[in-house]
Structures are given as structure tokens and as C-alpha cells.
Amino acid sequence: FSVLWTAEGGREHFMPSKSDFGGRRLRVVYAIRTNIRNYEKKLPNGMRTWASELPPEDIFVVGTTPYQLALGLNHFLDIMGTNCSDDRNLGLSCIEAHIHLHANQELEDWDWLFVIDEDVYVHTRNLATVLNQTEPAEPKIYGVVGCENFCQPVSVGLCGGGGYALSRQTLRKMIPEPSKHVEWFMNTTDADRYADIAVSCYAEKYGIQVLMGPLRGLHPWQVSEKENILEVLNSSDPLPLSFHYAQPEGMLLMHEQIKKIDKERGLN
């Protein structure tokens, strides 16, 4: 991996070199869904740990109200506002649809989109490694499955707490009419209760399969025991990819532990 430095905010960005991904850098874009109650409470934790090592153009945050979050001296994060209601039900599904639309309409030259909550820690290098070995042309959404679904005959329910990934090609297939996407998604079965289940229902309507596939290292539920966390972080099969419900202290400890593991493995 190459190490690139930027003067912006004094951050260092760790990015795969061109040789790591067949002659060019695999580009994974990270989308964080949030609401105004968590702008200052939860969002800064990820921004100052795992997300701080990403190029700024590879991450965007969508919430309810536009906001500029201060993360350091002359370092701000612009949160995209929407007309979505400030709740964790239909409002969250509305934000989900705006994330899809923004990635599809406004971003260029990306390969995969990874959608997460604001309290998820992501091991970005591991995720890029796994997605680099995954065929993007197949119409599939990858994430933890098994949550109850309410839109039969959909085969599985997505458990979206650990995040989910879809390729640029898959997202295009899921948005046949961009001007109607937010409305259609919000009218999907169960969109008024669970945004992740709505993703399952909406995707399969367009022939997109939802499955775990290669993302076995996602953790949509909290890993409670310290020993278990250390074991998971050191795992090579599956590679650790994400951790939901990460508290500020836990997120920082995971970040430092991953740096320690990387150093021991000669990856720094």
C-alpha cells in the first residue's frame, strides 16, 4: 500500500497503490446515513478514526439538515441535507434513497458503494481487498442476511447494521428512473419501519440478489467481550470488515489495535 500525504487538516491517507488492484486503484465510496441528533454525538468518532485515512472525495454523509461539522483546525465535514423527516423509520429510508441517488447521479469513477450508520467502524483496507476479488457486474448486494422480511416472495432480509456493498452497475440497475427513486423507495414494503429490509425488497424487485457473499467479516451487532474483539481483529478468515454500535472509546481502541496489527504484519 502506498502512503499519500495531504496538507488538508494534516491528515495522512492510506490508499491502495495501482499495483494492488490490477493497474488502478479500486475505488470504494463510503456513504454514512445519520440525523441531526447524532451530528455531534456519534459522527465525529468515525471521522477521526477510520474515515480520517480516506481521500475526502471517497466519503459522503447524508442527514436531515445541512450542517458543517468541525473536526479540527480548518477541517470541516459538510453533511448533505435532505427534506427527510428526522426519525429512524421512514425518515431513515428517505435518507437511504438519497444516498443511492447521490452516488448514482453525482459521483464519477467509483467501483463500489458501502452504506453504513454513523456508529460503525470500518476496516477500509480489508473491505477493498475483499471487494477487489468480487465480480462487480453481477447484480448483487452484499451484506449480512437473515433478518425478518415482510415483502414475500423476497428470499432474505438484509441486516444492514454492519453495512452493505453494491457495485456501480448494480446501483444503476436499481435506479431505472432517478427522478422517481426517492418516492418509489419510500413506498417500498416496510420502508416505514426498517430501511435495510426496504433495501432487500426494492432490490429484488429489480432482479438484484441480496446475500452475504464474500463479506463474512461484517458485524451488524456489537462484539461485547474484549478478548473476542482482539480475536476478530486478528482474524485472516474472515477478514474483519465492520463493527456496528462502536462507542467512542471502543472505536479509538479498535483503530489503535488495527494500526498495531498492521505494523506487526509490515503493512504500514
C-alpha atoms as a PDB file:
ATOM      1  CA  PHE A   1       0.000   0.000   0.000  1.00  0.00           C
ATOM      2  CA  SER A   2       1.194   3.462  -0.810  1.00  0.00           C
ATOM      3  CA  VAL A   3       1.090   6.267   1.722  1.00  0.00           C
ATOM      4  CA  LEU A   4      -0.102   9.600   0.405  1.00  0.00           C
ATOM      5  CA  TRP A   5       0.043  12.782   2.409  1.00  0.00           C
ATOM      6  CA  THR A   6      -2.280  15.722   2.138  1.00  0.00           C
ATOM      7  CA  ALA A   7      -1.880  19.155   3.628  1.00  0.00           C
ATOM      8  CA  GLU A   8      -5.603  19.357   4.287  1.00  0.00           C
ATOM      9  CA  GLY A   9      -6.040  19.116   8.026  1.00  0.00           C
ATOM     10  CA  GLY A  10      -2.645  17.432   8.352  1.00  0.00           C
ATOM     11  CA  ARG A  11      -4.186  14.046   7.603  1.00  0.00           C
ATOM     12  CA  GLU A  12      -2.450  11.069   6.083  1.00  0.00           C
ATOM     13  CA  HIS A  13      -4.336   8.940   3.613  1.00  0.00           C
ATOM     14  CA  PHE A  14      -3.559   5.255   3.228  1.00  0.00           C
ATOM     15  CA  MET A  15      -4.640   4.162  -0.237  1.00  0.00           C
ATOM     16  CA  PRO A  16      -4.075   1.021  -2.278  1.00  0.00           C
ATOM     17  CA  SER A  17      -1.372   1.596  -4.863  1.00  0.00           C
ATOM     18  CA  LYS A  18      -2.144   0.947  -8.532  1.00  0.00           C
ATOM     19  CA  SER A  19      -0.316  -2.338  -8.451  1.00  0.00           C
ATOM     20  CA  ASP A  20      -2.601  -3.598  -5.691  1.00  0.00           C
ATOM     21  CA  PHE A  21      -5.696  -3.608  -7.906  1.00  0.00           C
ATOM     22  CA  GLY A  22      -4.730  -4.638 -11.404  1.00  0.00           C
ATOM     23  CA  GLY A  23      -3.205  -1.395 -12.597  1.00  0.00           C
ATOM     24  CA  ARG A  24      -5.519   1.103 -10.923  1.00  0.00           C
ATOM     25  CA  ARG A  25      -6.858   1.899  -7.500  1.00  0.00           C
ATOM     26  CA  LEU A  26     -10.139   0.182  -6.708  1.00  0.00           C
ATOM     27  CA  ARG A  27     -12.395   2.981  -5.566  1.00  0.00           C
ATOM     28  CA  VAL A  28     -14.823   2.251  -2.759  1.00  0.00           C
ATOM     29  CA  VAL A  29     -17.087   5.148  -1.819  1.00  0.00           C
ATOM     30  CA  TYR A  30     -18.433   5.245   1.728  1.00  0.00           C
ATOM     31  CA  ALA A  31     -21.862   6.698   2.479  1.00  0.00           C
ATOM     32  CA  ILE A  32     -22.895   7.415   6.057  1.00  0.00           C
ATOM     33  CA  ARG A  33     -26.545   7.845   6.995  1.00  0.00           C
ATOM     34  CA  THR A  34     -27.274   9.964  10.053  1.00  0.00           C
ATOM     35  CA  ASN A  35     -29.640  12.522  11.534  1.00  0.00           C
ATOM     36  CA  ILE A  36     -29.138  15.829  13.296  1.00  0.00           C
ATOM     37  CA  ARG A  37     -29.245  14.269  16.771  1.00  0.00           C
ATOM     38  CA  ASN A  38     -26.036  12.378  16.006  1.00  0.00           C
ATOM     39  CA  TYR A  39     -24.080  15.010  14.074  1.00  0.00           C
ATOM     40  CA  GLU A  40     -22.029  15.958  17.127  1.00  0.00           C
ATOM     41  CA  LYS A  41     -22.706  12.882  19.254  1.00  0.00           C
ATOM     42  CA  LYS A  42     -21.715   9.894  17.105  1.00  0.00           C
ATOM     43  CA  LEU A  43     -20.462  11.055  13.724  1.00  0.00           C
ATOM     44  CA  PRO A  44     -17.123  12.607  14.848  1.00  0.00           C
ATOM     45  CA  ASN A  45     -15.869   9.283  16.247  1.00  0.00           C
ATOM     46  CA  GLY A  46     -15.640   7.592  12.867  1.00  0.00           C
ATOM     47  CA  MET A  47     -14.464  10.732  11.114  1.00  0.00           C
ATOM     48  CA  ARG A  48     -11.462  10.983  13.443  1.00  0.00           C
ATOM     49  CA  THR A  49     -10.517   7.302  13.219  1.00  0.00           C
ATOM     50  CA  TRP A  50     -11.139   5.041  10.227  1.00  0.00           C
ATOM     51  CA  ALA A  51     -12.562   7.719   7.905  1.00  0.00           C
ATOM     52  CA  SER A  52      -9.640  10.095   8.529  1.00  0.00           C
ATOM     53  CA  GLU A  53      -7.464   7.868   6.364  1.00  0.00           C
ATOM     54  CA  LEU A  54      -9.702   8.110   3.301  1.00  0.00           C
ATOM     55  CA  PRO A  55      -9.400  10.627   0.479  1.00  0.00           C
ATOM     56  CA  PRO A  56     -12.106  13.253   1.164  1.00  0.00           C
ATOM     57  CA  GLU A  57     -13.848  12.508  -2.126  1.00  0.00           C
ATOM     58  CA  ASP A  58     -14.372   8.865  -1.134  1.00  0.00           C
ATOM     59  CA  ILE A  59     -16.819   9.560   1.683  1.00  0.00           C
ATOM     60  CA  PHE A  60     -20.058  11.480   1.961  1.00  0.00           C
ATOM     61  CA  VAL A  61     -22.599  11.907   4.735  1.00  0.00           C
ATOM     62  CA  VAL A  62     -26.339  12.339   4.260  1.00  0.00           C
ATOM     63  CA  GLY A  63     -28.588  13.558   7.046  1.00  0.00           C
ATOM     64  CA  THR A  64     -31.718  15.575   7.573  1.00  0.00           C
ATOM     65  CA  THR A  65     -30.429  19.142   7.917  1.00  0.00           C
ATOM     66  CA  PRO A  66     -27.348  20.565   6.135  1.00  0.00           C
ATOM     67  CA  TYR A  67     -24.513  21.060   8.591  1.00  0.00           C
ATOM     68  CA  GLN A  68     -20.796  21.780   8.692  1.00  0.00           C
ATOM     69  CA  LEU A  69     -19.127  19.605  11.301  1.00  0.00           C
ATOM     70  CA  ALA A  70     -15.837  20.907  12.736  1.00  0.00           C
ATOM     71  CA  LEU A  71     -13.259  18.135  13.031  1.00  0.00           C
ATOM     72  CA  GLY A  72     -10.135  20.176  13.666  1.00  0.00           C
ATOM     73  CA  LEU A  73      -8.376  23.394  12.850  1.00  0.00           C
ATOM     74  CA  ASN A  74      -9.635  24.489   9.420  1.00  0.00           C
ATOM     75  CA  HIS A  75     -11.005  20.999   8.852  1.00  0.00           C
ATOM     76  CA  PHE A  76     -14.733  20.662   8.314  1.00  0.00           C
ATOM     77  CA  LEU A  77     -17.108  17.975   7.080  1.00  0.00           C
ATOM     78  CA  ASP A  78     -20.095  19.063   5.030  1.00  0.00           C
ATOM     79  CA  ILE A  79     -23.177  16.999   5.785  1.00  0.00           C
ATOM     80  CA  MET A  80     -25.690  16.856   2.972  1.00  0.00           C
ATOM     81  CA  GLY A  81     -29.174  17.904   3.999  1.00  0.00           C
ATOM     82  CA  THR A  82     -32.429  16.472   2.678  1.00  0.00           C
ATOM     83  CA  ASN A  83     -36.150  17.012   3.110  1.00  0.00           C
ATOM     84  CA  CYS A  84     -36.368  13.741   5.058  1.00  0.00           C
ATOM     85  CA  SER A  85     -38.095  13.608   8.425  1.00  0.00           C
ATOM     86  CA  ASP A  86     -35.852  13.336  11.496  1.00  0.00           C
ATOM     87  CA  ASP A  87     -36.714   9.809  12.628  1.00  0.00           C
ATOM     88  CA  ARG A  88     -35.300   6.306  12.410  1.00  0.00           C
ATOM     89  CA  ASN A  89     -38.230   4.904  10.434  1.00  0.00           C
ATOM     90  CA  LEU A  90     -39.478   6.409   7.171  1.00  0.00           C
ATOM     91  CA  GLY A  91     -37.012   9.269   7.584  1.00  0.00           C
ATOM     92  CA  LEU A  92     -34.112   6.814   7.517  1.00  0.00           C
ATOM     93  CA  SER A  93     -35.472   5.132   4.391  1.00  0.00           C
ATOM     94  CA  CYS A  94     -35.727   8.572   2.803  1.00  0.00           C
ATOM     95  CA  ILE A  95     -32.046   9.216   3.607  1.00  0.00           C
ATOM     96  CA  GLU A  96     -31.184   5.776   2.206  1.00  0.00           C
ATOM     97  CA  ALA A  97     -32.832   6.655  -1.105  1.00  0.00           C
ATOM     98  CA  HIS A  98     -30.992   9.991  -1.257  1.00  0.00           C
ATOM     99  CA  ILE A  99     -27.697   8.147  -0.713  1.00  0.00           C
ATOM    100  CA  HIS A 100     -28.427   5.897  -3.697  1.00  0.00           C
ATOM    101  CA  LEU A 101     -29.407   8.857  -5.824  1.00  0.00           C
ATOM    102  CA  HIS A 102     -26.372  10.961  -4.925  1.00  0.00           C
ATOM    103  CA  ALA A 103     -23.920   8.143  -5.671  1.00  0.00           C
ATOM    104  CA  ASN A 104     -25.648   7.347  -8.948  1.00  0.00           C
ATOM    105  CA  GLN A 105     -26.103  10.903 -10.209  1.00  0.00           C
ATOM    106  CA  GLU A 106     -23.293  12.979  -8.704  1.00  0.00           C
ATOM    107  CA  LEU A 107     -20.239  10.750  -8.278  1.00  0.00           C
ATOM    108  CA  GLU A 108     -17.952   9.518 -11.033  1.00  0.00           C
ATOM    109  CA  ASP A 109     -15.374   6.764 -11.483  1.00  0.00           C
ATOM    110  CA  TRP A 110     -16.206   4.638  -8.462  1.00  0.00           C
ATOM    111  CA  ASP A 111     -16.477   0.860  -8.261  1.00  0.00           C
ATOM    112  CA  TRP A 112     -18.334   0.030  -5.046  1.00  0.00           C
ATOM    113  CA  LEU A 113     -20.624   1.860  -2.639  1.00  0.00           C
ATOM    114  CA  PHE A 114     -20.593   0.871   1.036  1.00  0.00           C
ATOM    115  CA  VAL A 115     -23.505   2.208   3.123  1.00  0.00           C
ATOM    116  CA  ILE A 116     -23.285   2.412   6.918  1.00  0.00           C
ATOM    117  CA  ASP A 117     -24.609   4.110  10.047  1.00  0.00           C
ATOM    118  CA  GLU A 118     -22.625   6.772  11.857  1.00  0.00           C
ATOM    119  CA  ASP A 119     -21.629   4.394  14.670  1.00  0.00           C
ATOM    120  CA  VAL A 120     -19.894   1.794  12.515  1.00  0.00           C
ATOM    121  CA  TYR A 121     -16.129   1.269  12.452  1.00  0.00           C
ATOM    122  CA  VAL A 122     -14.886   0.132   9.018  1.00  0.00           C
ATOM    123  CA  HIS A 123     -11.628  -1.625   8.203  1.00  0.00           C
ATOM    124  CA  THR A 124     -11.297   0.051   4.828  1.00  0.00           C
ATOM    125  CA  ARG A 125      -8.243  -1.790   3.524  1.00  0.00           C
ATOM    126  CA  ASN A 126      -9.763  -5.185   4.265  1.00  0.00           C
ATOM    127  CA  LEU A 127     -13.020  -4.173   2.634  1.00  0.00           C
ATOM    128  CA  ALA A 128     -11.201  -3.005  -0.501  1.00  0.00           C
ATOM    129  CA  THR A 129      -9.247  -6.273  -0.569  1.00  0.00           C
ATOM    130  CA  VAL A 130     -12.423  -8.364  -0.412  1.00  0.00           C
ATOM    131  CA  LEU A 131     -14.339  -6.262  -2.935  1.00  0.00           C
ATOM    132  CA  ASN A 132     -11.406  -6.361  -5.338  1.00  0.00           C
ATOM    133  CA  GLN A 133     -11.964 -10.116  -5.542  1.00  0.00           C
ATOM    134  CA  THR A 134     -15.709  -9.716  -6.152  1.00  0.00           C
ATOM    135  CA  GLU A 135     -17.323  -9.501  -9.594  1.00  0.00           C
ATOM    136  CA  PRO A 136     -18.974  -6.051  -9.872  1.00  0.00           C
ATOM    137  CA  ALA A 137     -21.031  -6.886 -12.972  1.00  0.00           C
ATOM    138  CA  GLU A 138     -23.233  -9.375 -11.111  1.00  0.00           C
ATOM    139  CA  PRO A 139     -26.475  -7.722  -9.889  1.00  0.00           C
ATOM    140  CA  LYS A 140     -25.983  -8.373  -6.196  1.00  0.00           C
ATOM    141  CA  ILE A 141     -26.000  -6.525  -2.887  1.00  0.00           C
ATOM    142  CA  TYR A 142     -23.655  -7.940  -0.277  1.00  0.00           C
ATOM    143  CA  GLY A 143     -24.379  -7.776   3.448  1.00  0.00           C
ATOM    144  CA  VAL A 144     -25.440  -9.853   6.426  1.00  0.00           C
ATOM    145  CA  VAL A 145     -28.775 -11.556   5.736  1.00  0.00           C
ATOM    146  CA  GLY A 146     -31.336 -13.339   7.869  1.00  0.00           C
ATOM    147  CA  CYS A 147     -33.358 -10.510   9.359  1.00  0.00           C
ATOM    148  CA  GLU A 148     -37.116 -10.923   9.106  1.00  0.00           C
ATOM    149  CA  ASN A 149     -38.601  -9.605   5.895  1.00  0.00           C
ATOM    150  CA  PHE A 150     -42.180  -8.623   5.237  1.00  0.00           C
ATOM    151  CA  CYS A 151     -42.311  -8.491   1.461  1.00  0.00           C
ATOM    152  CA  GLN A 152     -42.655 -12.048   0.226  1.00  0.00           C
ATOM    153  CA  PRO A 153     -41.589 -13.613  -2.038  1.00  0.00           C
ATOM    154  CA  VAL A 154     -38.322 -11.822  -1.222  1.00  0.00           C
ATOM    155  CA  SER A 155     -35.974 -14.581  -0.101  1.00  0.00           C
ATOM    156  CA  VAL A 156     -33.931 -12.790   2.575  1.00  0.00           C
ATOM    157  CA  GLY A 157     -33.971  -9.762   4.797  1.00  0.00           C
ATOM    158  CA  LEU A 158     -30.858  -7.583   4.920  1.00  0.00           C
ATOM    159  CA  CYS A 159     -29.422  -6.903   8.379  1.00  0.00           C
ATOM    160  CA  GLY A 160     -27.919  -3.564   7.454  1.00  0.00           C
ATOM    161  CA  GLY A 161     -26.275  -2.559  10.735  1.00  0.00           C
ATOM    162  CA  GLY A 162     -22.855  -3.758   9.623  1.00  0.00           C
ATOM    163  CA  GLY A 163     -23.177  -2.028   6.274  1.00  0.00           C
ATOM    164  CA  TYR A 164     -23.825  -3.322   2.776  1.00  0.00           C
ATOM    165  CA  ALA A 165     -21.977  -3.059  -0.515  1.00  0.00           C
ATOM    166  CA  LEU A 166     -23.182  -2.735  -4.084  1.00  0.00           C
ATOM    167  CA  SER A 167     -21.339  -2.036  -7.295  1.00  0.00           C
ATOM    168  CA  ARG A 168     -21.893   0.912  -9.596  1.00  0.00           C
ATOM    169  CA  GLN A 169     -23.511  -1.409 -12.147  1.00  0.00           C
ATOM    170  CA  THR A 170     -25.906  -2.794  -9.535  1.00  0.00           C
ATOM    171  CA  LEU A 171     -26.911   0.668  -8.336  1.00  0.00           C
ATOM    172  CA  ARG A 172     -27.689   1.741 -11.892  1.00  0.00           C
ATOM    173  CA  LYS A 173     -29.933  -1.288 -12.294  1.00  0.00           C
ATOM    174  CA  MET A 174     -31.735  -0.349  -9.083  1.00  0.00           C
ATOM    175  CA  ILE A 175     -32.464   3.212 -10.266  1.00  0.00           C
ATOM    176  CA  PRO A 176     -34.224   2.967 -13.636  1.00  0.00           C
ATOM    177  CA  GLU A 177     -35.862   6.395 -13.207  1.00  0.00           C
ATOM    178  CA  PRO A 178     -33.769   8.707 -10.993  1.00  0.00           C
ATOM    179  CA  SER A 179     -36.461  11.367 -10.692  1.00  0.00           C
ATOM    180  CA  LYS A 180     -38.780   8.844  -9.045  1.00  0.00           C
ATOM    181  CA  HIS A 181     -36.296   6.845  -6.975  1.00  0.00           C
ATOM    182  CA  VAL A 182     -36.855   8.532  -3.598  1.00  0.00           C
ATOM    183  CA  GLU A 183     -40.635   8.322  -3.924  1.00  0.00           C
ATOM    184  CA  TRP A 184     -40.596   4.716  -5.093  1.00  0.00           C
ATOM    185  CA  PHE A 185     -38.149   3.603  -2.427  1.00  0.00           C
ATOM    186  CA  MET A 186     -40.136   5.263   0.357  1.00  0.00           C
ATOM    187  CA  ASN A 187     -43.237   3.412  -0.816  1.00  0.00           C
ATOM    188  CA  THR A 188     -41.495   0.058  -0.664  1.00  0.00           C
ATOM    189  CA  THR A 189     -42.894  -2.502   1.760  1.00  0.00           C
ATOM    190  CA  ASP A 190     -41.597  -1.885   5.292  1.00  0.00           C
ATOM    191  CA  ALA A 191     -39.822   1.368   4.388  1.00  0.00           C
ATOM    192  CA  ASP A 192     -41.768   2.970   7.229  1.00  0.00           C
ATOM    193  CA  ARG A 193     -40.062   0.662   9.747  1.00  0.00           C
ATOM    194  CA  TYR A 194     -36.753  -0.768   8.531  1.00  0.00           C
ATOM    195  CA  ALA A 195     -34.602   0.852   5.860  1.00  0.00           C
ATOM    196  CA  ASP A 196     -32.448  -2.255   5.460  1.00  0.00           C
ATOM    197  CA  ILE A 197     -35.444  -4.516   4.849  1.00  0.00           C
ATOM    198  CA  ALA A 198     -36.724  -1.943   2.347  1.00  0.00           C
ATOM    199  CA  VAL A 199     -33.387  -2.277   0.514  1.00  0.00           C
ATOM    200  CA  SER A 200     -33.965  -6.043   0.254  1.00  0.00           C
ATOM    201  CA  CYS A 201     -37.496  -5.613  -1.056  1.00  0.00           C
ATOM    202  CA  TYR A 202     -36.604  -2.857  -3.503  1.00  0.00           C
ATOM    203  CA  ALA A 203     -33.512  -4.597  -4.852  1.00  0.00           C
ATOM    204  CA  GLU A 204     -35.137  -7.927  -5.537  1.00  0.00           C
ATOM    205  CA  LYS A 205     -37.956  -6.166  -7.390  1.00  0.00           C
ATOM    206  CA  TYR A 206     -35.304  -5.283  -9.967  1.00  0.00           C
ATOM    207  CA  GLY A 207     -33.741  -8.729 -10.058  1.00  0.00           C
ATOM    208  CA  ILE A 208     -30.903  -7.901  -7.673  1.00  0.00           C
ATOM    209  CA  GLN A 209     -29.938 -10.680  -5.282  1.00  0.00           C
ATOM    210  CA  VAL A 210     -29.195  -9.858  -1.639  1.00  0.00           C
ATOM    211  CA  LEU A 211     -26.684 -12.168   0.007  1.00  0.00           C
ATOM    212  CA  MET A 212     -23.688 -12.250   2.314  1.00  0.00           C
ATOM    213  CA  GLY A 213     -21.285 -13.445  -0.366  1.00  0.00           C
ATOM    214  CA  PRO A 214     -17.686 -12.537   0.466  1.00  0.00           C
ATOM    215  CA  LEU A 215     -18.483 -10.021   3.236  1.00  0.00           C
ATOM    216  CA  ARG A 216     -18.368 -12.519   6.096  1.00  0.00           C
ATOM    217  CA  GLY A 217     -16.408 -10.059   8.238  1.00  0.00           C
ATOM    218  CA  LEU A 218     -19.312  -7.651   8.752  1.00  0.00           C
ATOM    219  CA  HIS A 219     -20.575  -7.304  12.329  1.00  0.00           C
ATOM    220  CA  PRO A 220     -24.067  -5.766  12.494  1.00  0.00           C
ATOM    221  CA  TRP A 221     -24.268  -6.462  16.215  1.00  0.00           C
ATOM    222  CA  GLN A 222     -21.923  -5.438  18.979  1.00  0.00           C
ATOM    223  CA  VAL A 223     -18.912  -7.604  19.779  1.00  0.00           C
ATOM    224  CA  SER A 224     -19.024  -7.325  23.545  1.00  0.00           C
ATOM    225  CA  GLU A 225     -16.045  -9.123  25.027  1.00  0.00           C
ATOM    226  CA  LYS A 226     -12.598  -7.518  24.720  1.00  0.00           C
ATOM    227  CA  GLU A 227     -10.964 -10.868  24.045  1.00  0.00           C
ATOM    228  CA  ASN A 228     -13.434 -11.576  21.250  1.00  0.00           C
ATOM    229  CA  ILE A 229     -12.750  -8.211  19.642  1.00  0.00           C
ATOM    230  CA  LEU A 230      -8.993  -8.823  19.653  1.00  0.00           C
ATOM    231  CA  GLU A 231      -9.518 -12.268  18.162  1.00  0.00           C
ATOM    232  CA  VAL A 232     -11.787 -10.875  15.456  1.00  0.00           C
ATOM    233  CA  LEU A 233      -9.392  -8.022  14.611  1.00  0.00           C
ATOM    234  CA  ASN A 234      -6.549 -10.524  14.194  1.00  0.00           C
ATOM    235  CA  SER A 235      -8.595 -12.869  12.012  1.00  0.00           C
ATOM    236  CA  SER A 236      -7.447 -13.623   8.480  1.00  0.00           C
ATOM    237  CA  ASP A 237     -10.507 -15.714   7.602  1.00  0.00           C
ATOM    238  CA  PRO A 238     -12.777 -13.930   7.543  1.00  0.00           C
ATOM    239  CA  LEU A 239     -11.051 -10.571   7.399  1.00  0.00           C
ATOM    240  CA  PRO A 240     -12.664  -8.102   9.828  1.00  0.00           C
ATOM    241  CA  LEU A 241     -14.652  -5.541   7.851  1.00  0.00           C
ATOM    242  CA  SER A 242     -17.017  -3.568  10.061  1.00  0.00           C
ATOM    243  CA  PHE A 243     -18.247  -3.198  13.630  1.00  0.00           C
ATOM    244  CA  HIS A 244     -21.631  -1.700  14.466  1.00  0.00           C
ATOM    245  CA  TYR A 245     -22.545   0.049  17.731  1.00  0.00           C
ATOM    246  CA  ALA A 246     -18.954   1.176  18.257  1.00  0.00           C
ATOM    247  CA  GLN A 247     -18.727   3.576  21.181  1.00  0.00           C
ATOM    248  CA  PRO A 248     -16.172   6.436  21.116  1.00  0.00           C
ATOM    249  CA  GLU A 249     -13.627   4.685  23.327  1.00  0.00           C
ATOM    250  CA  GLY A 250     -14.133   1.341  21.588  1.00  0.00           C
ATOM    251  CA  MET A 251     -13.729   2.892  18.152  1.00  0.00           C
ATOM    252  CA  LEU A 252     -10.453   4.531  19.144  1.00  0.00           C
ATOM    253  CA  LEU A 253      -9.147   1.310  20.712  1.00  0.00           C
ATOM    254  CA  MET A 254     -10.030  -0.673  17.588  1.00  0.00           C
ATOM    255  CA  HIS A 255      -8.282   1.901  15.432  1.00  0.00           C
ATOM    256  CA  GLU A 256      -5.106   1.738  17.512  1.00  0.00           C
ATOM    257  CA  GLN A 257      -5.200  -2.054  17.656  1.00  0.00           C
ATOM    258  CA  ILE A 258      -5.515  -2.287  13.872  1.00  0.00           C
ATOM    259  CA  LYS A 259      -2.512   0.019  13.478  1.00  0.00           C
ATOM    260  CA  LYS A 260      -0.575  -2.243  15.838  1.00  0.00           C
ATOM    261  CA  ILE A 261      -1.557  -5.356  13.865  1.00  0.00           C
ATOM    262  CA  ASP A 262      -0.629  -3.658  10.592  1.00  0.00           C
ATOM    263  CA  LYS A 263       2.790  -2.747  11.967  1.00  0.00           C
ATOM    264  CA  GLU A 264       3.405  -6.301  13.114  1.00  0.00           C
ATOM    265  CA  ARG A 265       2.459  -7.566   9.650  1.00  0.00           C
ATOM    266  CA  GLY A 266       4.592  -4.978   7.884  1.00  0.00           C
ATOM    267  CA  LEU A 267       1.632  -3.224   6.288  1.00  0.00           C
ATOM    268  CA  ASN A 268       2.422   0.323   7.435  1.00  0.00           C
END
